[in-house]
Full PDB file with SEQRES, HELIX, SHEET, SSBOND, CRYST1, ORIGX, SCALE, CONECT and MASTER records, all heavy atoms in Angstrom:
SEQRES   1 A   41  MET SER ARG THR VAL LEU LEU CYS VAL ASP GLY GLY ASP          
SEQRES   2 A   41  PHE ARG VAL ALA GLN ASN LEU VAL ALA SER GLY GLY MET          
SEQRES   3 A   41  PRO VAL THR LYS ARG LEU LEU GLU GLN GLY SER VAL VAL          
SEQRES   4 A   41  HIS MET                                                      
HELIX    1 AA1 PHE A   14  ALA A   22  1                                   9    
HELIX    2 AA2 PRO A   27  GLN A   35  1                                   9    
CRYST1    1.000    1.000    1.000  90.00  90.00  90.00 P 1           1          
ORIGX1      1.000000  0.000000  0.000000        0.00000                         
ORIGX2      0.000000  1.000000  0.000000        0.00000                         
ORIGX3      0.000000  0.000000  1.000000        0.00000                         
SCALE1      1.000000  0.000000  0.000000        0.00000                         
SCALE2      0.000000  1.000000  0.000000        0.00000                         
SCALE3      0.000000  0.000000  1.000000        0.00000                         
ATOM      1  N   MET A   1     272.237  52.376 160.927  1.00  0.00           N  
ATOM      2  CA  MET A   1     273.221  51.354 160.664  1.00  0.00           C  
ATOM      3  C   MET A   1     273.070  50.293 161.701  1.00  0.00           C  
ATOM      4  O   MET A   1     273.067  50.539 162.916  1.00  0.00           O  
ATOM      5  CB  MET A   1     274.600  51.934 160.710  1.00  0.00           C  
ATOM      6  CG  MET A   1     275.668  50.904 160.551  1.00  0.00           C  
ATOM      7  SD  MET A   1     277.235  51.762 160.146  1.00  0.00           S  
ATOM      8  CE  MET A   1     278.361  51.151 161.317  1.00  0.00           C  
ATOM      9  N   SER A   2     272.873  49.064 161.316  1.00  0.00           N  
ATOM     10  CA  SER A   2     272.730  47.935 162.247  1.00  0.00           C  
ATOM     11  C   SER A   2     274.075  47.367 162.593  1.00  0.00           C  
ATOM     12  O   SER A   2     275.031  47.453 161.773  1.00  0.00           O  
ATOM     13  CB  SER A   2     271.793  46.900 161.667  1.00  0.00           C  
ATOM     14  OG  SER A   2     272.426  46.294 160.569  1.00  0.00           O  
ATOM     15  N   ARG A   3     274.190  46.821 163.791  1.00  0.00           N  
ATOM     16  CA  ARG A   3     275.427  46.215 164.174  1.00  0.00           C  
ATOM     17  C   ARG A   3     275.262  44.659 164.285  1.00  0.00           C  
ATOM     18  O   ARG A   3     274.181  44.205 164.665  1.00  0.00           O  
ATOM     19  CB  ARG A   3     275.885  46.698 165.508  1.00  0.00           C  
ATOM     20  CG  ARG A   3     276.406  48.147 165.465  1.00  0.00           C  
ATOM     21  CD  ARG A   3     276.993  48.551 166.719  1.00  0.00           C  
ATOM     22  NE  ARG A   3     275.865  49.174 167.547  1.00  0.00           N  
ATOM     23  CZ  ARG A   3     276.021  49.457 168.821  1.00  0.00           C  
ATOM     24  NH1 ARG A   3     277.103  49.213 169.435  1.00  0.00           N  
ATOM     25  NH2 ARG A   3     275.034  50.043 169.457  1.00  0.00           N  
ATOM     26  N   THR A   4     276.280  43.980 164.006  1.00  0.00           N  
ATOM     27  CA  THR A   4     276.316  42.513 164.130  1.00  0.00           C  
ATOM     28  C   THR A   4     277.394  42.115 165.064  1.00  0.00           C  
ATOM     29  O   THR A   4     278.557  42.557 164.955  1.00  0.00           O  
ATOM     30  CB  THR A   4     276.496  41.771 162.752  1.00  0.00           C  
ATOM     31  OG1 THR A   4     275.460  42.189 161.914  1.00  0.00           O  
ATOM     32  CG2 THR A   4     276.531  40.325 163.008  1.00  0.00           C  
ATOM     33  N   VAL A   5     277.018  41.327 166.044  1.00  0.00           N  
ATOM     34  CA  VAL A   5     278.062  40.810 167.000  1.00  0.00           C  
ATOM     35  C   VAL A   5     278.092  39.278 166.865  1.00  0.00           C  
ATOM     36  O   VAL A   5     277.098  38.636 166.874  1.00  0.00           O  
ATOM     37  CB  VAL A   5     277.705  41.130 168.461  1.00  0.00           C  
ATOM     38  CG1 VAL A   5     278.690  40.476 169.371  1.00  0.00           C  
ATOM     39  CG2 VAL A   5     277.666  42.634 168.649  1.00  0.00           C  
ATOM     40  N   LEU A   6     279.261  38.790 166.638  1.00  0.00           N  
ATOM     41  CA  LEU A   6     279.459  37.331 166.518  1.00  0.00           C  
ATOM     42  C   LEU A   6     280.308  36.861 167.696  1.00  0.00           C  
ATOM     43  O   LEU A   6     281.453  37.305 167.812  1.00  0.00           O  
ATOM     44  CB  LEU A   6     280.136  37.046 165.170  1.00  0.00           C  
ATOM     45  CG  LEU A   6     280.427  35.569 164.898  1.00  0.00           C  
ATOM     46  CD1 LEU A   6     279.172  34.792 164.786  1.00  0.00           C  
ATOM     47  CD2 LEU A   6     281.267  35.473 163.610  1.00  0.00           C  
ATOM     48  N   LEU A   7     279.737  36.021 168.448  1.00  0.00           N  
ATOM     49  CA  LEU A   7     280.402  35.482 169.647  1.00  0.00           C  
ATOM     50  C   LEU A   7     280.638  34.003 169.437  1.00  0.00           C  
ATOM     51  O   LEU A   7     279.702  33.268 169.320  1.00  0.00           O  
ATOM     52  CB  LEU A   7     279.574  35.763 170.924  1.00  0.00           C  
ATOM     53  CG  LEU A   7     280.086  35.202 172.216  1.00  0.00           C  
ATOM     54  CD1 LEU A   7     281.462  35.897 172.607  1.00  0.00           C  
ATOM     55  CD2 LEU A   7     279.080  35.380 173.349  1.00  0.00           C  
ATOM     56  N   CYS A   8     281.905  33.655 169.355  1.00  0.00           N  
ATOM     57  CA  CYS A   8     282.265  32.233 169.194  1.00  0.00           C  
ATOM     58  C   CYS A   8     282.917  31.727 170.383  1.00  0.00           C  
ATOM     59  O   CYS A   8     283.841  32.362 170.935  1.00  0.00           O  
ATOM     60  CB  CYS A   8     283.240  32.090 168.031  1.00  0.00           C  
ATOM     61  SG  CYS A   8     282.553  32.673 166.474  1.00  0.00           S  
ATOM     62  N   VAL A   9     282.454  30.617 170.868  1.00  0.00           N  
ATOM     63  CA  VAL A   9     283.092  29.956 172.036  1.00  0.00           C  
ATOM     64  C   VAL A   9     283.587  28.571 171.492  1.00  0.00           C  
ATOM     65  O   VAL A   9     282.867  27.605 171.421  1.00  0.00           O  
ATOM     66  CB  VAL A   9     282.105  29.777 173.187  1.00  0.00           C  
ATOM     67  CG1 VAL A   9     282.808  29.087 174.354  1.00  0.00           C  
ATOM     68  CG2 VAL A   9     281.490  31.077 173.595  1.00  0.00           C  
ATOM     69  N   ASP A  10     284.824  28.565 171.028  1.00  0.00           N  
ATOM     70  CA  ASP A  10     285.401  27.345 170.484  1.00  0.00           C  
ATOM     71  C   ASP A  10     285.710  26.376 171.636  1.00  0.00           C  
ATOM     72  O   ASP A  10     286.421  26.735 172.499  1.00  0.00           O  
ATOM     73  CB  ASP A  10     286.637  27.749 169.686  1.00  0.00           C  
ATOM     74  CG  ASP A  10     287.227  26.572 168.878  1.00  0.00           C  
ATOM     75  OD1 ASP A  10     286.534  25.632 168.744  1.00  0.00           O  
ATOM     76  OD2 ASP A  10     288.327  26.712 168.428  1.00  0.00           O  
ATOM     77  N   GLY A  11     285.177  25.232 171.544  1.00  0.00           N  
ATOM     78  CA  GLY A  11     285.437  24.212 172.555  1.00  0.00           C  
ATOM     79  C   GLY A  11     284.533  24.368 173.790  1.00  0.00           C  
ATOM     80  O   GLY A  11     284.668  23.570 174.721  1.00  0.00           O  
ATOM     81  N   GLY A  12     283.650  25.392 173.794  1.00  0.00           N  
ATOM     82  CA  GLY A  12     282.707  25.515 174.880  1.00  0.00           C  
ATOM     83  C   GLY A  12     281.587  24.547 174.788  1.00  0.00           C  
ATOM     84  O   GLY A  12     281.255  24.053 173.784  1.00  0.00           O  
ATOM     85  N   ASP A  13     280.996  24.310 175.967  1.00  0.00           N  
ATOM     86  CA  ASP A  13     279.838  23.414 176.022  1.00  0.00           C  
ATOM     87  C   ASP A  13     278.597  24.299 176.254  1.00  0.00           C  
ATOM     88  O   ASP A  13     278.470  24.955 177.285  1.00  0.00           O  
ATOM     89  CB  ASP A  13     279.976  22.436 177.184  1.00  0.00           C  
ATOM     90  CG  ASP A  13     278.925  21.380 177.177  1.00  0.00           C  
ATOM     91  OD1 ASP A  13     277.784  21.627 176.772  1.00  0.00           O  
ATOM     92  OD2 ASP A  13     279.217  20.251 177.645  1.00  0.00           O  
ATOM     93  N   PHE A  14     277.721  24.347 175.208  1.00  0.00           N  
ATOM     94  CA  PHE A  14     276.548  25.232 175.310  1.00  0.00           C  
ATOM     95  C   PHE A  14     275.672  24.841 176.508  1.00  0.00           C  
ATOM     96  O   PHE A  14     274.964  25.707 177.091  1.00  0.00           O  
ATOM     97  CB  PHE A  14     275.748  25.197 174.053  1.00  0.00           C  
ATOM     98  CG  PHE A  14     274.645  26.238 173.953  1.00  0.00           C  
ATOM     99  CD1 PHE A  14     274.928  27.576 173.961  1.00  0.00           C  
ATOM    100  CD2 PHE A  14     273.296  25.838 173.915  1.00  0.00           C  
ATOM    101  CE1 PHE A  14     274.009  28.494 173.933  1.00  0.00           C  
ATOM    102  CE2 PHE A  14     272.326  26.744 173.878  1.00  0.00           C  
ATOM    103  CZ  PHE A  14     272.662  28.109 173.841  1.00  0.00           C  
ATOM    104  N   ARG A  15     275.623  23.589 176.939  1.00  0.00           N  
ATOM    105  CA  ARG A  15     274.814  23.201 178.154  1.00  0.00           C  
ATOM    106  C   ARG A  15     275.314  23.912 179.369  1.00  0.00           C  
ATOM    107  O   ARG A  15     274.487  24.334 180.194  1.00  0.00           O  
ATOM    108  CB  ARG A  15     274.827  21.678 178.242  1.00  0.00           C  
ATOM    109  CG  ARG A  15     274.201  20.971 177.157  1.00  0.00           C  
ATOM    110  CD  ARG A  15     274.462  19.461 177.221  1.00  0.00           C  
ATOM    111  NE  ARG A  15     275.891  19.233 177.049  1.00  0.00           N  
ATOM    112  CZ  ARG A  15     276.477  18.085 177.095  1.00  0.00           C  
ATOM    113  NH1 ARG A  15     275.789  17.039 177.271  1.00  0.00           N  
ATOM    114  NH2 ARG A  15     277.728  17.996 176.871  1.00  0.00           N  
ATOM    115  N   VAL A  16     276.588  24.057 179.495  1.00  0.00           N  
ATOM    116  CA  VAL A  16     277.132  24.810 180.696  1.00  0.00           C  
ATOM    117  C   VAL A  16     276.714  26.236 180.625  1.00  0.00           C  
ATOM    118  O   VAL A  16     276.268  26.789 181.610  1.00  0.00           O  
ATOM    119  CB  VAL A  16     278.719  24.664 180.668  1.00  0.00           C  
ATOM    120  CG1 VAL A  16     279.262  25.567 181.779  1.00  0.00           C  
ATOM    121  CG2 VAL A  16     279.086  23.240 180.898  1.00  0.00           C  
ATOM    122  N   ALA A  17     276.840  26.873 179.455  1.00  0.00           N  
ATOM    123  CA  ALA A  17     276.371  28.259 179.294  1.00  0.00           C  
ATOM    124  C   ALA A  17     274.865  28.378 179.584  1.00  0.00           C  
ATOM    125  O   ALA A  17     274.460  29.364 180.274  1.00  0.00           O  
ATOM    126  CB  ALA A  17     276.712  28.769 177.900  1.00  0.00           C  
ATOM    127  N   GLN A  18     274.077  27.492 179.140  1.00  0.00           N  
ATOM    128  CA  GLN A  18     272.664  27.501 179.400  1.00  0.00           C  
ATOM    129  C   GLN A  18     272.359  27.469 180.930  1.00  0.00           C  
ATOM    130  O   GLN A  18     271.497  28.213 181.424  1.00  0.00           O  
ATOM    131  CB  GLN A  18     271.913  26.363 178.680  1.00  0.00           C  
ATOM    132  CG  GLN A  18     271.694  26.580 177.219  1.00  0.00           C  
ATOM    133  CD  GLN A  18     271.089  25.357 176.573  1.00  0.00           C  
ATOM    134  OE1 GLN A  18     271.488  24.242 176.755  1.00  0.00           O  
ATOM    135  NE2 GLN A  18     270.082  25.629 175.762  1.00  0.00           N  
ATOM    136  N   ASN A  19     273.051  26.557 181.592  1.00  0.00           N  
ATOM    137  CA  ASN A  19     272.888  26.499 183.062  1.00  0.00           C  
ATOM    138  C   ASN A  19     273.293  27.769 183.767  1.00  0.00           C  
ATOM    139  O   ASN A  19     272.588  28.183 184.699  1.00  0.00           O  
ATOM    140  CB  ASN A  19     273.656  25.327 183.599  1.00  0.00           C  
ATOM    141  CG  ASN A  19     272.999  23.941 183.177  1.00  0.00           C  
ATOM    142  OD1 ASN A  19     271.887  23.875 182.819  1.00  0.00           O  
ATOM    143  ND2 ASN A  19     273.883  22.951 183.188  1.00  0.00           N  
ATOM    144  N   LEU A  20     274.410  28.374 183.295  1.00  0.00           N  
ATOM    145  CA  LEU A  20     274.843  29.633 183.961  1.00  0.00           C  
ATOM    146  C   LEU A  20     273.824  30.776 183.651  1.00  0.00           C  
ATOM    147  O   LEU A  20     273.599  31.588 184.512  1.00  0.00           O  
ATOM    148  CB  LEU A  20     276.237  29.966 183.436  1.00  0.00           C  
ATOM    149  CG  LEU A  20     277.359  29.099 183.971  1.00  0.00           C  
ATOM    150  CD1 LEU A  20     278.639  29.305 183.204  1.00  0.00           C  
ATOM    151  CD2 LEU A  20     277.552  29.288 185.450  1.00  0.00           C  
ATOM    152  N   VAL A  21     273.351  30.816 182.437  1.00  0.00           N  
ATOM    153  CA  VAL A  21     272.356  31.835 182.054  1.00  0.00           C  
ATOM    154  C   VAL A  21     271.138  31.657 182.906  1.00  0.00           C  
ATOM    155  O   VAL A  21     270.539  32.610 183.414  1.00  0.00           O  
ATOM    156  CB  VAL A  21     272.046  31.779 180.544  1.00  0.00           C  
ATOM    157  CG1 VAL A  21     270.798  32.588 180.191  1.00  0.00           C  
ATOM    158  CG2 VAL A  21     273.265  32.228 179.750  1.00  0.00           C  
ATOM    159  N   ALA A  22     270.662  30.416 182.988  1.00  0.00           N  
ATOM    160  CA  ALA A  22     269.384  30.122 183.743  1.00  0.00           C  
ATOM    161  C   ALA A  22     269.537  30.487 185.211  1.00  0.00           C  
ATOM    162  O   ALA A  22     268.585  30.898 185.867  1.00  0.00           O  
ATOM    163  CB  ALA A  22     268.997  28.689 183.629  1.00  0.00           C  
ATOM    164  N   SER A  23     270.717  30.333 185.836  1.00  0.00           N  
ATOM    165  CA  SER A  23     270.942  30.630 187.232  1.00  0.00           C  
ATOM    166  C   SER A  23     271.179  32.132 187.441  1.00  0.00           C  
ATOM    167  O   SER A  23     271.386  32.565 188.600  1.00  0.00           O  
ATOM    168  CB  SER A  23     272.128  29.815 187.815  1.00  0.00           C  
ATOM    169  OG  SER A  23     273.319  30.207 187.189  1.00  0.00           O  
ATOM    170  N   GLY A  24     271.196  32.936 186.367  1.00  0.00           N  
ATOM    171  CA  GLY A  24     271.445  34.350 186.567  1.00  0.00           C  
ATOM    172  C   GLY A  24     272.906  34.745 186.528  1.00  0.00           C  
ATOM    173  O   GLY A  24     273.229  35.898 186.724  1.00  0.00           O  
ATOM    174  N   GLY A  25     273.802  33.801 186.210  1.00  0.00           N  
ATOM    175  CA  GLY A  25     275.193  34.110 186.272  1.00  0.00           C  
ATOM    176  C   GLY A  25     275.808  34.779 185.090  1.00  0.00           C  
ATOM    177  O   GLY A  25     276.890  35.235 185.116  1.00  0.00           O  
ATOM    178  N   MET A  26     275.024  34.892 183.974  1.00  0.00           N  
ATOM    179  CA  MET A  26     275.489  35.508 182.769  1.00  0.00           C  
ATOM    180  C   MET A  26     274.408  36.377 182.127  1.00  0.00           C  
ATOM    181  O   MET A  26     273.891  36.086 181.115  1.00  0.00           O  
ATOM    182  CB  MET A  26     275.999  34.427 181.795  1.00  0.00           C  
ATOM    183  CG  MET A  26     277.090  33.481 182.272  1.00  0.00           C  
ATOM    184  SD  MET A  26     277.431  32.166 181.156  1.00  0.00           S  
ATOM    185  CE  MET A  26     278.187  32.968 179.792  1.00  0.00           C  
ATOM    186  N   PRO A  27     274.117  37.554 182.829  1.00  0.00           N  
ATOM    187  CA  PRO A  27     273.042  38.376 182.348  1.00  0.00           C  
ATOM    188  C   PRO A  27     273.244  38.973 180.926  1.00  0.00           C  
ATOM    189  O   PRO A  27     272.278  39.048 180.162  1.00  0.00           O  
ATOM    190  CB  PRO A  27     272.908  39.492 183.417  1.00  0.00           C  
ATOM    191  CG  PRO A  27     274.264  39.474 184.097  1.00  0.00           C  
ATOM    192  CD  PRO A  27     274.772  38.084 183.992  1.00  0.00           C  
ATOM    193  N   VAL A  28     274.454  39.289 180.608  1.00  0.00           N  
ATOM    194  CA  VAL A  28     274.673  39.924 179.245  1.00  0.00           C  
ATOM    195  C   VAL A  28     274.500  38.832 178.158  1.00  0.00           C  
ATOM    196  O   VAL A  28     273.868  39.060 177.130  1.00  0.00           O  
ATOM    197  CB  VAL A  28     276.123  40.528 179.170  1.00  0.00           C  
ATOM    198  CG1 VAL A  28     276.397  40.957 177.746  1.00  0.00           C  
ATOM    199  CG2 VAL A  28     276.241  41.670 180.170  1.00  0.00           C  
ATOM    200  N   THR A  29     275.029  37.639 178.438  1.00  0.00           N  
ATOM    201  CA  THR A  29     274.815  36.528 177.562  1.00  0.00           C  
ATOM    202  C   THR A  29     273.349  36.167 177.397  1.00  0.00           C  
ATOM    203  O   THR A  29     272.874  35.884 176.328  1.00  0.00           O  
ATOM    204  CB  THR A  29     275.636  35.263 177.950  1.00  0.00           C  
ATOM    205  OG1 THR A  29     276.986  35.686 178.134  1.00  0.00           O  
ATOM    206  CG2 THR A  29     275.503  34.197 177.018  1.00  0.00           C  
ATOM    207  N   LYS A  30     272.619  36.221 178.495  1.00  0.00           N  
ATOM    208  CA  LYS A  30     271.195  35.975 178.456  1.00  0.00           C  
ATOM    209  C   LYS A  30     270.520  36.904 177.522  1.00  0.00           C  
ATOM    210  O   LYS A  30     269.660  36.543 176.661  1.00  0.00           O  
ATOM    211  CB  LYS A  30     270.575  36.100 179.852  1.00  0.00           C  
ATOM    212  CG  LYS A  30     269.086  35.872 179.831  1.00  0.00           C  
ATOM    213  CD  LYS A  30     268.455  35.987 181.271  1.00  0.00           C  
ATOM    214  CE  LYS A  30     266.957  35.733 181.128  1.00  0.00           C  
ATOM    215  NZ  LYS A  30     266.363  35.848 182.458  1.00  0.00           N  
ATOM    216  N   ARG A  31     270.835  38.205 177.632  1.00  0.00           N  
ATOM    217  CA  ARG A  31     270.231  39.231 176.684  1.00  0.00           C  
ATOM    218  C   ARG A  31     270.598  38.973 175.262  1.00  0.00           C  
ATOM    219  O   ARG A  31     269.773  39.087 174.356  1.00  0.00           O  
ATOM    220  CB  ARG A  31     270.659  40.604 177.166  1.00  0.00           C  
ATOM    221  CG  ARG A  31     269.757  41.679 176.554  1.00  0.00           C  
ATOM    222  CD  ARG A  31     269.994  43.039 177.135  1.00  0.00           C  
ATOM    223  NE  ARG A  31     271.193  43.617 176.486  1.00  0.00           N  
ATOM    224  CZ  ARG A  31     272.135  44.203 177.137  1.00  0.00           C  
ATOM    225  NH1 ARG A  31     272.113  44.387 178.456  1.00  0.00           N  
ATOM    226  NH2 ARG A  31     273.175  44.701 176.500  1.00  0.00           N  
ATOM    227  N   LEU A  32     271.866  38.595 174.963  1.00  0.00           N  
ATOM    228  CA  LEU A  32     272.274  38.314 173.635  1.00  0.00           C  
ATOM    229  C   LEU A  32     271.525  37.133 173.078  1.00  0.00           C  
ATOM    230  O   LEU A  32     271.072  37.109 171.947  1.00  0.00           O  
ATOM    231  CB  LEU A  32     273.781  38.042 173.571  1.00  0.00           C  
ATOM    232  CG  LEU A  32     274.712  39.209 173.754  1.00  0.00           C  
ATOM    233  CD1 LEU A  32     276.117  38.753 173.914  1.00  0.00           C  
ATOM    234  CD2 LEU A  32     274.574  40.210 172.650  1.00  0.00           C  
ATOM    235  N   LEU A  33     271.314  36.078 173.915  1.00  0.00           N  
ATOM    236  CA  LEU A  33     270.604  34.917 173.496  1.00  0.00           C  
ATOM    237  C   LEU A  33     269.115  35.246 173.167  1.00  0.00           C  
ATOM    238  O   LEU A  33     268.513  34.731 172.246  1.00  0.00           O  
ATOM    239  CB  LEU A  33     270.681  33.781 174.501  1.00  0.00           C  
ATOM    240  CG  LEU A  33     272.019  33.125 174.641  1.00  0.00           C  
ATOM    241  CD1 LEU A  33     272.086  32.266 175.906  1.00  0.00           C  
ATOM    242  CD2 LEU A  33     272.368  32.298 173.420  1.00  0.00           C  
ATOM    243  N   GLU A  34     268.542  36.136 174.011  1.00  0.00           N  
ATOM    244  CA  GLU A  34     267.221  36.500 173.785  1.00  0.00           C  
ATOM    245  C   GLU A  34     266.944  37.382 172.505  1.00  0.00           C  
ATOM    246  O   GLU A  34     265.923  37.234 171.887  1.00  0.00           O  
ATOM    247  CB  GLU A  34     266.602  37.326 175.008  1.00  0.00           C  
ATOM    248  CG  GLU A  34     266.507  36.488 176.199  1.00  0.00           C  
ATOM    249  CD  GLU A  34     266.216  37.310 177.469  1.00  0.00           C  
ATOM    250  OE1 GLU A  34     266.329  38.524 177.429  1.00  0.00           O  
ATOM    251  OE2 GLU A  34     265.897  36.732 178.500  1.00  0.00           O  
ATOM    252  N   GLN A  35     267.927  38.124 172.142  1.00  0.00           N  
ATOM    253  CA  GLN A  35     267.848  38.967 170.981  1.00  0.00           C  
ATOM    254  C   GLN A  35     268.363  38.416 169.678  1.00  0.00           C  
ATOM    255  O   GLN A  35     268.162  38.961 168.620  1.00  0.00           O  
ATOM    256  CB  GLN A  35     268.533  40.329 171.274  1.00  0.00           C  
ATOM    257  CG  GLN A  35     267.953  41.121 172.380  1.00  0.00           C  
ATOM    258  CD  GLN A  35     268.722  42.389 172.716  1.00  0.00           C  
ATOM    259  OE1 GLN A  35     269.729  42.642 172.140  1.00  0.00           O  
ATOM    260  NE2 GLN A  35     268.238  43.074 173.748  1.00  0.00           N  
ATOM    261  N   GLY A  36     269.185  37.364 169.814  1.00  0.00           N  
ATOM    262  CA  GLY A  36     269.867  36.842 168.600  1.00  0.00           C  
ATOM    263  C   GLY A  36     269.511  35.429 168.322  1.00  0.00           C  
ATOM    264  O   GLY A  36     268.387  34.949 168.574  1.00  0.00           O  
ATOM    265  N   SER A  37     270.438  34.775 167.690  1.00  0.00           N  
ATOM    266  CA  SER A  37     270.235  33.372 167.375  1.00  0.00           C  
ATOM    267  C   SER A  37     271.478  32.527 167.692  1.00  0.00           C  
ATOM    268  O   SER A  37     272.613  33.128 167.917  1.00  0.00           O  
ATOM    269  CB  SER A  37     269.903  33.205 165.889  1.00  0.00           C  
ATOM    270  OG  SER A  37     270.976  33.689 165.099  1.00  0.00           O  
ATOM    271  N   VAL A  38     271.343  31.264 167.804  1.00  0.00           N  
ATOM    272  CA  VAL A  38     272.461  30.404 168.153  1.00  0.00           C  
ATOM    273  C   VAL A  38     272.656  29.355 167.074  1.00  0.00           C  
ATOM    274  O   VAL A  38     271.705  28.784 166.577  1.00  0.00           O  
ATOM    275  CB  VAL A  38     272.128  29.692 169.529  1.00  0.00           C  
ATOM    276  CG1 VAL A  38     273.197  28.695 169.835  1.00  0.00           C  
ATOM    277  CG2 VAL A  38     271.924  30.679 170.618  1.00  0.00           C  
ATOM    278  N   VAL A  39     273.891  29.132 166.710  1.00  0.00           N  
ATOM    279  CA  VAL A  39     274.269  28.076 165.753  1.00  0.00           C  
ATOM    280  C   VAL A  39     275.258  27.192 166.407  1.00  0.00           C  
ATOM    281  O   VAL A  39     276.272  27.617 166.999  1.00  0.00           O  
ATOM    282  CB  VAL A  39     274.949  28.746 164.495  1.00  0.00           C  
ATOM    283  CG1 VAL A  39     275.370  27.679 163.561  1.00  0.00           C  
ATOM    284  CG2 VAL A  39     273.942  29.651 163.826  1.00  0.00           C  
ATOM    285  N   HIS A  40     274.925  25.920 166.400  1.00  0.00           N  
ATOM    286  CA  HIS A  40     275.870  24.902 166.996  1.00  0.00           C  
ATOM    287  C   HIS A  40     276.681  24.278 165.852  1.00  0.00           C  
ATOM    288  O   HIS A  40     276.080  23.784 164.864  1.00  0.00           O  
ATOM    289  CB  HIS A  40     275.092  23.812 167.718  1.00  0.00           C  
ATOM    290  CG  HIS A  40     274.271  24.332 168.837  1.00  0.00           C  
ATOM    291  ND1 HIS A  40     274.759  24.491 170.097  1.00  0.00           N  
ATOM    292  CD2 HIS A  40     272.937  24.696 168.904  1.00  0.00           C  
ATOM    293  CE1 HIS A  40     273.813  24.960 170.897  1.00  0.00           C  
ATOM    294  NE2 HIS A  40     272.698  25.117 170.183  1.00  0.00           N  
ATOM    295  N   MET A  41     278.001  24.240 166.014  1.00  0.00           N  
ATOM    296  CA  MET A  41     278.875  23.606 165.037  1.00  0.00           C  
ATOM    297  C   MET A  41     279.528  22.503 165.787  1.00  0.00           C  
ATOM    298  O   MET A  41     280.154  22.713 166.866  1.00  0.00           O  
ATOM    299  CB  MET A  41     279.910  24.571 164.461  1.00  0.00           C  
ATOM    300  CG  MET A  41     279.315  25.540 163.434  1.00  0.00           C  
ATOM    301  SD  MET A  41     280.573  26.614 162.736  1.00  0.00           S  
ATOM    302  CE  MET A  41     281.723  25.381 162.025  1.00  0.00           C  
TER     303      MET A  41                                                      
MASTER        0    0    0    2    0    0    0    6  302    1    0    4          
END                                                                             
């Protein structure tokens, strides 16, 4: 059975998250981004 995780950041700025991921500040988010996909609304 596969699992799906949907992470929504309403009002968040993806550029801020990208900078934090790149600096090593969000390792779990980095792994999710590497294994999943991103949709910008």
